[in-house]
Amino acid sequence: MNGFEVLRPGALTTVQDLGRPGYAHLGVPRSGALDTGAHRLANRLLGNPPQAATLETTLDGVRLRALAPVVIAVTGAPCAVRASGHPVAWGAPVRLRAGAEVDIGRAEPGLRSYVAVRGGFAAEPVLGSRSTDLLSGLGPAALSAGALLPVGTPGPDPVHGVDAPAAPGPPTELVLPLRPGPRADWFTPASTAGLWRAHYRVSAASNRIGLRTEGPPLTRARTGELPSEGMVLGAVQVPPDGRPVVFLADHPVTGGYPVIGVVPRGPALDAAAQARPGTVIRFVAAGPTGRPGVG
């Protein structure tokens, strides 16, 4: 078998690709890699297509045994990488012999690292994607000790190595551009204005579904609740405690709490994937391109 045996699964390691968009009308979330930039870079380093499945680790990495010769690359949160006990490169292709054990260490700093293999991880696709969706339960199970991970056939593109651009490091402060609406009018003008001045922090209750915050609560201008309505990646929903929740890849497709705004898809949401509990969060007005700015 061309693949890996899982020796240490880590706190949470899942198979991820670019997700399964287009099924929200069936109640199926998008899912996929939280840090898409790191996922794409890991595949580029190995000559894989962007949609090839990688492993997304959480905080303390993963340990695997190669069952055949393979080439891997690790990106995302910086971490120590060791092959058969010897240090090897992070952020570059690494060749492993059959039987070699590779240990992806603790994320320092950041939260999630991405392990790519030339040919991609060949988990069984569900609705066109190999992503593990923790909310719906679709896709392969989170890794467990003793599990076998098959690897696909490499494509014709060469291994790129160091010509790939460097991924940005984990944020010391998370700046989230926000497009107000569609339910900004459910909050008092003073509360909405205060959102731009407030400093929040990433809550330890955050996960792949949503980045939860700690900080000053937003005050509603209306009572009652909304009927459930569609939710999108990056929607900033405000539950009854008044503290914003930024929806990430495994978010539900509907929700009944008001959405004060949306963080556009892009580098800011990638950075949110690497923000550890306690990281300071600031919301700023999104410019025309979706990045921080005016307009």
C-alpha atoms as a PDB file:
ATOM      1  CA  MET A   1       0.000   0.000   0.000  1.00  0.00           C
ATOM      2  CA  ASN A   2       1.202   3.492  -0.859  1.00  0.00           C
ATOM      3  CA  GLY A   3       0.249   5.493   2.199  1.00  0.00           C
ATOM      4  CA  PHE A   4       0.738   6.013   5.939  1.00  0.00           C
ATOM      5  CA  GLU A   5      -0.093   4.395   9.251  1.00  0.00           C
ATOM      6  CA  VAL A   6      -1.186   6.818  11.976  1.00  0.00           C
ATOM      7  CA  LEU A   7       1.010   6.403  15.063  1.00  0.00           C
ATOM      8  CA  ARG A   8      -0.122   9.512  16.995  1.00  0.00           C
ATOM      9  CA  PRO A   9      -3.268  11.290  15.803  1.00  0.00           C
ATOM     10  CA  GLY A  10      -2.776  14.481  17.824  1.00  0.00           C
ATOM     11  CA  ALA A  11      -5.498  16.551  19.461  1.00  0.00           C
ATOM     12  CA  LEU A  12      -7.480  16.812  16.213  1.00  0.00           C
ATOM     13  CA  THR A  13      -6.159  15.892  12.787  1.00  0.00           C
ATOM     14  CA  THR A  14      -8.550  15.759   9.848  1.00  0.00           C
ATOM     15  CA  VAL A  15      -8.386  15.254   6.096  1.00  0.00           C
ATOM     16  CA  GLN A  16      -9.205  18.493   4.257  1.00  0.00           C
ATOM     17  CA  ASP A  17      -9.320  19.795   0.707  1.00  0.00           C
ATOM     18  CA  LEU A  18     -11.093  22.869  -0.702  1.00  0.00           C
ATOM     19  CA  GLY A  19     -14.467  21.667   0.570  1.00  0.00           C
ATOM     20  CA  ARG A  20     -17.798  20.809  -1.003  1.00  0.00           C
ATOM     21  CA  PRO A  21     -19.427  24.109  -2.074  1.00  0.00           C
ATOM     22  CA  GLY A  22     -22.793  24.175  -3.792  1.00  0.00           C
ATOM     23  CA  TYR A  23     -24.798  21.965  -1.436  1.00  0.00           C
ATOM     24  CA  ALA A  24     -26.101  24.490   1.095  1.00  0.00           C
ATOM     25  CA  HIS A  25     -29.631  24.026  -0.306  1.00  0.00           C
ATOM     26  CA  LEU A  26     -29.366  20.401   0.824  1.00  0.00           C
ATOM     27  CA  GLY A  27     -28.183  21.398   4.309  1.00  0.00           C
ATOM     28  CA  VAL A  28     -24.552  20.443   3.608  1.00  0.00           C
ATOM     29  CA  PRO A  29     -21.854  22.902   4.791  1.00  0.00           C
ATOM     30  CA  ARG A  30     -18.876  23.805   2.636  1.00  0.00           C
ATOM     31  CA  SER A  31     -16.171  22.559   5.064  1.00  0.00           C
ATOM     32  CA  GLY A  32     -12.577  22.338   3.734  1.00  0.00           C
ATOM     33  CA  ALA A  33      -9.219  23.593   4.995  1.00  0.00           C
ATOM     34  CA  LEU A  34      -9.526  26.546   7.367  1.00  0.00           C
ATOM     35  CA  ASP A  35      -6.233  28.096   6.218  1.00  0.00           C
ATOM     36  CA  THR A  36      -6.674  27.734   2.477  1.00  0.00           C
ATOM     37  CA  GLY A  37      -3.464  29.641   1.724  1.00  0.00           C
ATOM     38  CA  ALA A  38      -1.379  27.150   3.721  1.00  0.00           C
ATOM     39  CA  HIS A  39      -3.249  24.205   2.178  1.00  0.00           C
ATOM     40  CA  ARG A  40      -2.632  25.496  -1.353  1.00  0.00           C
ATOM     41  CA  LEU A  41       1.037  26.205  -0.649  1.00  0.00           C
ATOM     42  CA  ALA A  42       1.647  22.704   0.711  1.00  0.00           C
ATOM     43  CA  ASN A  43       0.205  21.244  -2.488  1.00  0.00           C
ATOM     44  CA  ARG A  44       2.138  23.653  -4.702  1.00  0.00           C
ATOM     45  CA  LEU A  45       5.408  22.609  -3.069  1.00  0.00           C
ATOM     46  CA  LEU A  46       4.761  19.040  -4.231  1.00  0.00           C
ATOM     47  CA  GLY A  47       3.277  19.689  -7.677  1.00  0.00           C
ATOM     48  CA  ASN A  48      -0.212  18.653  -6.545  1.00  0.00           C
ATOM     49  CA  PRO A  49      -3.377  20.384  -7.786  1.00  0.00           C
ATOM     50  CA  PRO A  50      -4.848  22.842  -5.237  1.00  0.00           C
ATOM     51  CA  GLN A  51      -7.780  20.531  -4.453  1.00  0.00           C
ATOM     52  CA  ALA A  52      -5.565  17.586  -3.410  1.00  0.00           C
ATOM     53  CA  ALA A  53      -6.383  16.497   0.134  1.00  0.00           C
ATOM     54  CA  THR A  54      -3.996  17.379   2.973  1.00  0.00           C
ATOM     55  CA  LEU A  55      -3.990  16.732   6.718  1.00  0.00           C
ATOM     56  CA  GLU A  56      -4.973  19.641   8.968  1.00  0.00           C
ATOM     57  CA  THR A  57      -3.431  19.266  12.444  1.00  0.00           C
ATOM     58  CA  THR A  58      -4.495  21.184  15.547  1.00  0.00           C
ATOM     59  CA  LEU A  59      -1.913  22.478  18.033  1.00  0.00           C
ATOM     60  CA  ASP A  60       0.157  19.341  18.737  1.00  0.00           C
ATOM     61  CA  GLY A  61       0.718  17.842  15.284  1.00  0.00           C
ATOM     62  CA  VAL A  62       0.640  14.191  14.218  1.00  0.00           C
ATOM     63  CA  ARG A  63       2.998  11.220  13.832  1.00  0.00           C
ATOM     64  CA  LEU A  64       2.877   8.912  10.813  1.00  0.00           C
ATOM     65  CA  ARG A  65       4.764   5.909   9.376  1.00  0.00           C
ATOM     66  CA  ALA A  66       5.351   5.861   5.614  1.00  0.00           C
ATOM     67  CA  LEU A  67       4.407   2.502   4.086  1.00  0.00           C
ATOM     68  CA  ALA A  68       6.203   3.276   0.804  1.00  0.00           C
ATOM     69  CA  PRO A  69       8.609   5.994  -0.417  1.00  0.00           C
ATOM     70  CA  VAL A  70       6.795   9.363  -0.499  1.00  0.00           C
ATOM     71  CA  VAL A  71       7.446  13.111  -0.610  1.00  0.00           C
ATOM     72  CA  ILE A  72       5.724  15.370   1.928  1.00  0.00           C
ATOM     73  CA  ALA A  73       5.613  19.065   2.797  1.00  0.00           C
ATOM     74  CA  VAL A  74       4.405  20.832   5.955  1.00  0.00           C
ATOM     75  CA  THR A  75       3.066  24.401   5.976  1.00  0.00           C
ATOM     76  CA  GLY A  76       0.683  26.520   8.050  1.00  0.00           C
ATOM     77  CA  ALA A  77       1.694  27.062  11.657  1.00  0.00           C
ATOM     78  CA  PRO A  78       5.477  26.649  11.994  1.00  0.00           C
ATOM     79  CA  CYS A  79       6.498  23.473  13.829  1.00  0.00           C
ATOM     80  CA  ALA A  80       9.386  21.065  14.240  1.00  0.00           C
ATOM     81  CA  VAL A  81       9.390  18.235  11.676  1.00  0.00           C
ATOM     82  CA  ARG A  82      11.435  15.099  12.329  1.00  0.00           C
ATOM     83  CA  ALA A  83      11.898  12.035  10.112  1.00  0.00           C
ATOM     84  CA  SER A  84      13.118   8.877  11.873  1.00  0.00           C
ATOM     85  CA  GLY A  85      14.279  11.095  14.729  1.00  0.00           C
ATOM     86  CA  HIS A  86      16.232  13.573  12.572  1.00  0.00           C
ATOM     87  CA  PRO A  87      15.209  17.223  11.959  1.00  0.00           C
ATOM     88  CA  VAL A  88      13.992  17.910   8.412  1.00  0.00           C
ATOM     89  CA  ALA A  89      12.689  20.989   6.658  1.00  0.00           C
ATOM     90  CA  TRP A  90       9.397  22.747   7.371  1.00  0.00           C
ATOM     91  CA  GLY A  91       7.907  24.527   4.341  1.00  0.00           C
ATOM     92  CA  ALA A  92       9.851  22.460   1.790  1.00  0.00           C
ATOM     93  CA  PRO A  93       9.608  19.021   0.145  1.00  0.00           C
ATOM     94  CA  VAL A  94      10.942  16.139   2.263  1.00  0.00           C
ATOM     95  CA  ARG A  95      11.525  12.632   0.880  1.00  0.00           C
ATOM     96  CA  LEU A  96      10.693   9.705   3.146  1.00  0.00           C
ATOM     97  CA  ARG A  97      11.798   6.121   2.708  1.00  0.00           C
ATOM     98  CA  ALA A  98       9.435   3.193   3.309  1.00  0.00           C
ATOM     99  CA  GLY A  99       9.162   2.602   7.042  1.00  0.00           C
ATOM    100  CA  ALA A 100      10.279   6.131   7.998  1.00  0.00           C
ATOM    101  CA  GLU A 101       8.392   7.738  10.861  1.00  0.00           C
ATOM    102  CA  VAL A 102       7.619  11.430  10.497  1.00  0.00           C
ATOM    103  CA  ASP A 103       6.667  13.502  13.526  1.00  0.00           C
ATOM    104  CA  ILE A 104       4.924  16.827  12.983  1.00  0.00           C
ATOM    105  CA  GLY A 105       5.489  18.747  16.203  1.00  0.00           C
ATOM    106  CA  ARG A 106       3.608  21.329  18.211  1.00  0.00           C
ATOM    107  CA  ALA A 107       2.525  24.494  16.396  1.00  0.00           C
ATOM    108  CA  GLU A 108       4.827  27.320  17.536  1.00  0.00           C
ATOM    109  CA  PRO A 109       3.222  29.820  17.080  1.00  0.00           C
ATOM    110  CA  GLY A 110      -0.194  29.460  15.462  1.00  0.00           C
ATOM    111  CA  LEU A 111      -2.681  26.639  15.721  1.00  0.00           C
ATOM    112  CA  ARG A 112      -3.017  24.539  12.544  1.00  0.00           C
ATOM    113  CA  SER A 113      -0.351  22.937  10.349  1.00  0.00           C
ATOM    114  CA  TYR A 114      -0.942  21.280   6.968  1.00  0.00           C
ATOM    115  CA  VAL A 115       0.712  18.055   5.835  1.00  0.00           C
ATOM    116  CA  ALA A 116       0.650  17.389   2.096  1.00  0.00           C
ATOM    117  CA  VAL A 117       1.890  14.287   0.304  1.00  0.00           C
ATOM    118  CA  ARG A 118       2.724  14.054  -3.384  1.00  0.00           C
ATOM    119  CA  GLY A 119      -0.379  12.512  -4.955  1.00  0.00           C
ATOM    120  CA  GLY A 120      -2.669  13.737  -2.164  1.00  0.00           C
ATOM    121  CA  PHE A 121      -4.381  11.752   0.570  1.00  0.00           C
ATOM    122  CA  ALA A 122      -6.846   9.434  -1.157  1.00  0.00           C
ATOM    123  CA  ALA A 123      -9.723   9.250   1.313  1.00  0.00           C
ATOM    124  CA  GLU A 124     -13.071   8.272  -0.199  1.00  0.00           C
ATOM    125  CA  PRO A 125     -14.779  11.417  -1.567  1.00  0.00           C
ATOM    126  CA  VAL A 126     -18.280  12.382  -0.408  1.00  0.00           C
ATOM    127  CA  LEU A 127     -20.210  14.805  -2.657  1.00  0.00           C
ATOM    128  CA  GLY A 128     -16.995  15.483  -4.547  1.00  0.00           C
ATOM    129  CA  SER A 129     -14.832  16.291  -1.530  1.00  0.00           C
ATOM    130  CA  ARG A 130     -12.522  14.406   0.830  1.00  0.00           C
ATOM    131  CA  SER A 131     -12.971  16.970   3.629  1.00  0.00           C
ATOM    132  CA  THR A 132     -13.907  15.953   7.154  1.00  0.00           C
ATOM    133  CA  ASP A 133     -16.931  18.016   8.223  1.00  0.00           C
ATOM    134  CA  LEU A 134     -17.211  18.018  12.007  1.00  0.00           C
ATOM    135  CA  LEU A 135     -20.694  19.587  12.005  1.00  0.00           C
ATOM    136  CA  SER A 136     -22.488  17.263   9.577  1.00  0.00           C
ATOM    137  CA  GLY A 137     -20.290  14.185  10.047  1.00  0.00           C
ATOM    138  CA  LEU A 138     -19.615  13.868   6.312  1.00  0.00           C
ATOM    139  CA  GLY A 139     -16.235  12.757   5.042  1.00  0.00           C
ATOM    140  CA  PRO A 140     -13.563  10.613   6.674  1.00  0.00           C
ATOM    141  CA  ALA A 141     -13.362  10.360  10.450  1.00  0.00           C
ATOM    142  CA  ALA A 142     -10.786  12.378  12.355  1.00  0.00           C
ATOM    143  CA  LEU A 143      -7.507  10.462  12.525  1.00  0.00           C
ATOM    144  CA  SER A 144      -7.088   7.741  15.149  1.00  0.00           C
ATOM    145  CA  ALA A 145      -4.082   5.617  16.112  1.00  0.00           C
ATOM    146  CA  GLY A 146      -3.628   2.640  13.784  1.00  0.00           C
ATOM    147  CA  ALA A 147      -5.661   4.104  10.929  1.00  0.00           C
ATOM    148  CA  LEU A 148      -4.286   3.679   7.398  1.00  0.00           C
ATOM    149  CA  LEU A 149      -4.185   6.659   5.036  1.00  0.00           C
ATOM    150  CA  PRO A 150      -3.931   5.799   1.324  1.00  0.00           C
ATOM    151  CA  VAL A 151      -2.069   8.135  -1.036  1.00  0.00           C
ATOM    152  CA  GLY A 152      -3.116   8.905  -4.599  1.00  0.00           C
ATOM    153  CA  THR A 153      -1.092   8.680  -7.796  1.00  0.00           C
ATOM    154  CA  PRO A 154       1.171  11.717  -8.380  1.00  0.00           C
ATOM    155  CA  GLY A 155       0.341  13.935 -11.329  1.00  0.00           C
ATOM    156  CA  PRO A 156       2.744  15.142 -14.030  1.00  0.00           C
ATOM    157  CA  ASP A 157       3.664  18.487 -12.417  1.00  0.00           C
ATOM    158  CA  PRO A 158       7.145  18.655 -10.849  1.00  0.00           C
ATOM    159  CA  VAL A 159       7.982  19.251  -7.207  1.00  0.00           C
ATOM    160  CA  HIS A 160       8.518  23.030  -6.899  1.00  0.00           C
ATOM    161  CA  GLY A 161      10.507  23.351  -3.712  1.00  0.00           C
ATOM    162  CA  VAL A 162      11.782  26.739  -2.601  1.00  0.00           C
ATOM    163  CA  ASP A 163      10.339  28.733  -5.511  1.00  0.00           C
ATOM    164  CA  ALA A 164       6.928  28.645  -3.782  1.00  0.00           C
ATOM    165  CA  PRO A 165       6.013  31.900  -1.979  1.00  0.00           C
ATOM    166  CA  ALA A 166       6.189  31.925   1.806  1.00  0.00           C
ATOM    167  CA  ALA A 167       2.913  31.791   3.716  1.00  0.00           C
ATOM    168  CA  PRO A 168       2.251  34.600   6.243  1.00  0.00           C
ATOM    169  CA  GLY A 169       2.938  33.773   9.881  1.00  0.00           C
ATOM    170  CA  PRO A 170       0.270  33.407  12.568  1.00  0.00           C
ATOM    171  CA  PRO A 171      -1.226  36.720  13.693  1.00  0.00           C
ATOM    172  CA  THR A 172      -0.241  38.525  16.892  1.00  0.00           C
ATOM    173  CA  GLU A 173      -3.379  40.632  16.335  1.00  0.00           C
ATOM    174  CA  LEU A 174      -6.275  39.456  14.175  1.00  0.00           C
ATOM    175  CA  VAL A 175      -7.665  42.287  12.024  1.00  0.00           C
ATOM    176  CA  LEU A 176     -10.959  41.268  10.413  1.00  0.00           C
ATOM    177  CA  PRO A 177     -12.387  43.438   7.606  1.00  0.00           C
ATOM    178  CA  LEU A 178     -16.167  43.575   7.959  1.00  0.00           C
ATOM    179  CA  ARG A 179     -18.915  44.411   5.498  1.00  0.00           C
ATOM    180  CA  PRO A 180     -21.917  45.522   7.617  1.00  0.00           C
ATOM    181  CA  GLY A 181     -25.292  43.848   7.137  1.00  0.00           C
ATOM    182  CA  PRO A 182     -27.650  42.223   6.565  1.00  0.00           C
ATOM    183  CA  ARG A 183     -28.952  42.621  10.159  1.00  0.00           C
ATOM    184  CA  ALA A 184     -26.839  45.524  11.426  1.00  0.00           C
ATOM    185  CA  ASP A 185     -30.086  47.412  12.121  1.00  0.00           C
ATOM    186  CA  TRP A 186     -30.882  44.907  14.883  1.00  0.00           C
ATOM    187  CA  PHE A 187     -28.264  46.640  17.050  1.00  0.00           C
ATOM    188  CA  THR A 188     -28.205  50.102  18.605  1.00  0.00           C
ATOM    189  CA  PRO A 189     -26.244  52.792  16.707  1.00  0.00           C
ATOM    190  CA  ALA A 190     -23.954  53.232  19.717  1.00  0.00           C
ATOM    191  CA  SER A 191     -23.277  49.511  19.863  1.00  0.00           C
ATOM    192  CA  THR A 192     -22.548  49.291  16.137  1.00  0.00           C
ATOM    193  CA  ALA A 193     -20.217  52.295  16.304  1.00  0.00           C
ATOM    194  CA  GLY A 194     -18.481  50.754  19.301  1.00  0.00           C
ATOM    195  CA  LEU A 195     -17.748  47.595  17.313  1.00  0.00           C
ATOM    196  CA  TRP A 196     -15.066  49.475  15.352  1.00  0.00           C
ATOM    197  CA  ARG A 197     -13.362  50.668  18.550  1.00  0.00           C
ATOM    198  CA  ALA A 198     -13.668  47.499  20.639  1.00  0.00           C
ATOM    199  CA  HIS A 199     -10.894  44.984  21.212  1.00  0.00           C
ATOM    200  CA  TYR A 200     -12.061  41.385  21.444  1.00  0.00           C
ATOM    201  CA  ARG A 201     -10.076  38.234  22.121  1.00  0.00           C
ATOM    202  CA  VAL A 202     -10.311  34.748  20.629  1.00  0.00           C
ATOM    203  CA  SER A 203     -12.233  32.477  22.992  1.00  0.00           C
ATOM    204  CA  ALA A 204     -11.003  29.007  23.932  1.00  0.00           C
ATOM    205  CA  ALA A 205     -14.463  27.760  22.852  1.00  0.00           C
ATOM    206  CA  SER A 206     -13.571  28.423  19.192  1.00  0.00           C
ATOM    207  CA  ASN A 207     -13.437  25.504  16.732  1.00  0.00           C
ATOM    208  CA  ARG A 208     -13.764  24.712  13.024  1.00  0.00           C
ATOM    209  CA  ILE A 209     -17.396  25.822  13.132  1.00  0.00           C
ATOM    210  CA  GLY A 210     -16.812  29.320  14.432  1.00  0.00           C
ATOM    211  CA  LEU A 211     -14.328  31.683  16.002  1.00  0.00           C
ATOM    212  CA  ARG A 212     -15.944  32.801  19.260  1.00  0.00           C
ATOM    213  CA  THR A 213     -14.966  36.040  20.932  1.00  0.00           C
ATOM    214  CA  GLU A 214     -14.601  37.496  24.401  1.00  0.00           C
ATOM    215  CA  GLY A 215     -15.167  41.206  24.901  1.00  0.00           C
ATOM    216  CA  PRO A 216     -17.819  43.923  25.151  1.00  0.00           C
ATOM    217  CA  PRO A 217     -21.290  42.620  24.227  1.00  0.00           C
ATOM    218  CA  LEU A 218     -23.292  44.275  21.465  1.00  0.00           C
ATOM    219  CA  THR A 219     -26.680  45.702  22.483  1.00  0.00           C
ATOM    220  CA  ARG A 220     -29.764  44.911  20.439  1.00  0.00           C
ATOM    221  CA  ALA A 221     -32.190  47.553  19.266  1.00  0.00           C
ATOM    222  CA  ARG A 222     -34.890  44.918  18.716  1.00  0.00           C
ATOM    223  CA  THR A 223     -36.379  42.133  20.769  1.00  0.00           C
ATOM    224  CA  GLY A 224     -37.495  38.723  19.537  1.00  0.00           C
ATOM    225  CA  GLU A 225     -35.725  36.361  17.189  1.00  0.00           C
ATOM    226  CA  LEU A 226     -35.362  35.937  13.454  1.00  0.00           C
ATOM    227  CA  PRO A 227     -36.636  32.966  11.482  1.00  0.00           C
ATOM    228  CA  SER A 228     -33.691  30.826  10.407  1.00  0.00           C
ATOM    229  CA  GLU A 229     -31.999  32.190   7.297  1.00  0.00           C
ATOM    230  CA  GLY A 230     -29.025  31.242   5.163  1.00  0.00           C
ATOM    231  CA  MET A 231     -25.497  31.617   6.541  1.00  0.00           C
ATOM    232  CA  VAL A 232     -22.263  32.064   4.603  1.00  0.00           C
ATOM    233  CA  LEU A 233     -18.566  31.607   5.328  1.00  0.00           C
ATOM    234  CA  GLY A 234     -17.346  34.641   7.295  1.00  0.00           C
ATOM    235  CA  ALA A 235     -20.793  35.643   8.603  1.00  0.00           C
ATOM    236  CA  VAL A 236     -20.504  37.379  11.985  1.00  0.00           C
ATOM    237  CA  GLN A 237     -23.475  36.172  13.990  1.00  0.00           C
ATOM    238  CA  VAL A 238     -24.378  37.662  17.370  1.00  0.00           C
ATOM    239  CA  PRO A 239     -25.980  35.204  19.840  1.00  0.00           C
ATOM    240  CA  PRO A 240     -27.943  36.341  22.933  1.00  0.00           C
ATOM    241  CA  ASP A 241     -24.769  37.016  24.957  1.00  0.00           C
ATOM    242  CA  GLY A 242     -23.935  39.814  22.480  1.00  0.00           C
ATOM    243  CA  ARG A 243     -20.439  38.586  21.622  1.00  0.00           C
ATOM    244  CA  PRO A 244     -19.742  38.111  17.902  1.00  0.00           C
ATOM    245  CA  VAL A 245     -19.067  34.660  16.407  1.00  0.00           C
ATOM    246  CA  VAL A 246     -17.229  34.495  13.063  1.00  0.00           C
ATOM    247  CA  PHE A 247     -18.416  31.477  11.062  1.00  0.00           C
ATOM    248  CA  LEU A 248     -15.617  29.300   9.665  1.00  0.00           C
ATOM    249  CA  ALA A 249     -15.549  26.359   7.234  1.00  0.00           C
ATOM    250  CA  ASP A 250     -17.801  23.938   9.154  1.00  0.00           C
ATOM    251  CA  HIS A 251     -20.473  26.567   9.877  1.00  0.00           C
ATOM    252  CA  PRO A 252     -24.186  25.656   9.727  1.00  0.00           C
ATOM    253  CA  VAL A 253     -25.996  26.590   6.537  1.00  0.00           C
ATOM    254  CA  THR A 254     -28.835  28.358   8.418  1.00  0.00           C
ATOM    255  CA  GLY A 255     -29.143  30.272  11.676  1.00  0.00           C
ATOM    256  CA  GLY A 256     -31.608  32.384  13.612  1.00  0.00           C
ATOM    257  CA  TYR A 257     -29.358  34.916  15.355  1.00  0.00           C
ATOM    258  CA  PRO A 258     -28.801  38.262  13.589  1.00  0.00           C
ATOM    259  CA  VAL A 259     -25.717  38.674  11.385  1.00  0.00           C
ATOM    260  CA  ILE A 260     -24.162  42.105  11.927  1.00  0.00           C
ATOM    261  CA  GLY A 261     -21.758  41.728   9.001  1.00  0.00           C
ATOM    262  CA  VAL A 262     -19.596  39.414   6.910  1.00  0.00           C
ATOM    263  CA  VAL A 263     -15.811  38.983   6.796  1.00  0.00           C
ATOM    264  CA  PRO A 264     -14.968  38.481   3.097  1.00  0.00           C
ATOM    265  CA  ARG A 265     -13.238  35.259   2.107  1.00  0.00           C
ATOM    266  CA  GLY A 266      -9.466  35.691   1.864  1.00  0.00           C
ATOM    267  CA  PRO A 267      -6.324  36.227   3.948  1.00  0.00           C
ATOM    268  CA  ALA A 268      -8.207  37.434   7.040  1.00  0.00           C
ATOM    269  CA  LEU A 269     -10.152  34.177   7.359  1.00  0.00           C
ATOM    270  CA  ASP A 270      -6.925  32.223   6.765  1.00  0.00           C
ATOM    271  CA  ALA A 271      -5.368  34.184   9.640  1.00  0.00           C
ATOM    272  CA  ALA A 272      -8.401  33.381  11.825  1.00  0.00           C
ATOM    273  CA  ALA A 273      -7.543  29.683  11.401  1.00  0.00           C
ATOM    274  CA  GLN A 274      -4.184  30.328  13.104  1.00  0.00           C
ATOM    275  CA  ALA A 275      -5.386  32.610  15.917  1.00  0.00           C
ATOM    276  CA  ARG A 276      -4.920  31.027  19.313  1.00  0.00           C
ATOM    277  CA  PRO A 277      -7.174  31.697  22.311  1.00  0.00           C
ATOM    278  CA  GLY A 278      -6.345  35.114  23.743  1.00  0.00           C
ATOM    279  CA  THR A 279      -5.330  36.661  20.411  1.00  0.00           C
ATOM    280  CA  VAL A 280      -6.645  40.249  20.140  1.00  0.00           C
ATOM    281  CA  ILE A 281      -9.307  40.789  17.453  1.00  0.00           C
ATOM    282  CA  ARG A 282     -10.246  44.108  15.840  1.00  0.00           C
ATOM    283  CA  PHE A 283     -13.050  44.611  13.334  1.00  0.00           C
ATOM    284  CA  VAL A 284     -12.387  47.244  10.653  1.00  0.00           C
ATOM    285  CA  ALA A 285     -14.409  48.439   7.684  1.00  0.00           C
ATOM    286  CA  ALA A 286     -13.774  46.354   4.566  1.00  0.00           C
ATOM    287  CA  GLY A 287     -12.596  48.214   1.492  1.00  0.00           C
ATOM    288  CA  PRO A 288     -13.893  47.571  -2.043  1.00  0.00           C
ATOM    289  CA  THR A 289     -11.583  44.560  -2.428  1.00  0.00           C
ATOM    290  CA  GLY A 290     -12.688  43.033   0.875  1.00  0.00           C
ATOM    291  CA  ARG A 291      -9.443  43.978   2.618  1.00  0.00           C
ATOM    292  CA  PRO A 292      -9.236  46.561   5.441  1.00  0.00           C
ATOM    293  CA  GLY A 293      -9.869  50.057   4.132  1.00  0.00           C
ATOM    294  CA  VAL A 294     -12.499  52.673   3.599  1.00  0.00           C
ATOM    295  CA  GLY A 295     -15.629  52.037   1.553  1.00  0.00           C
END
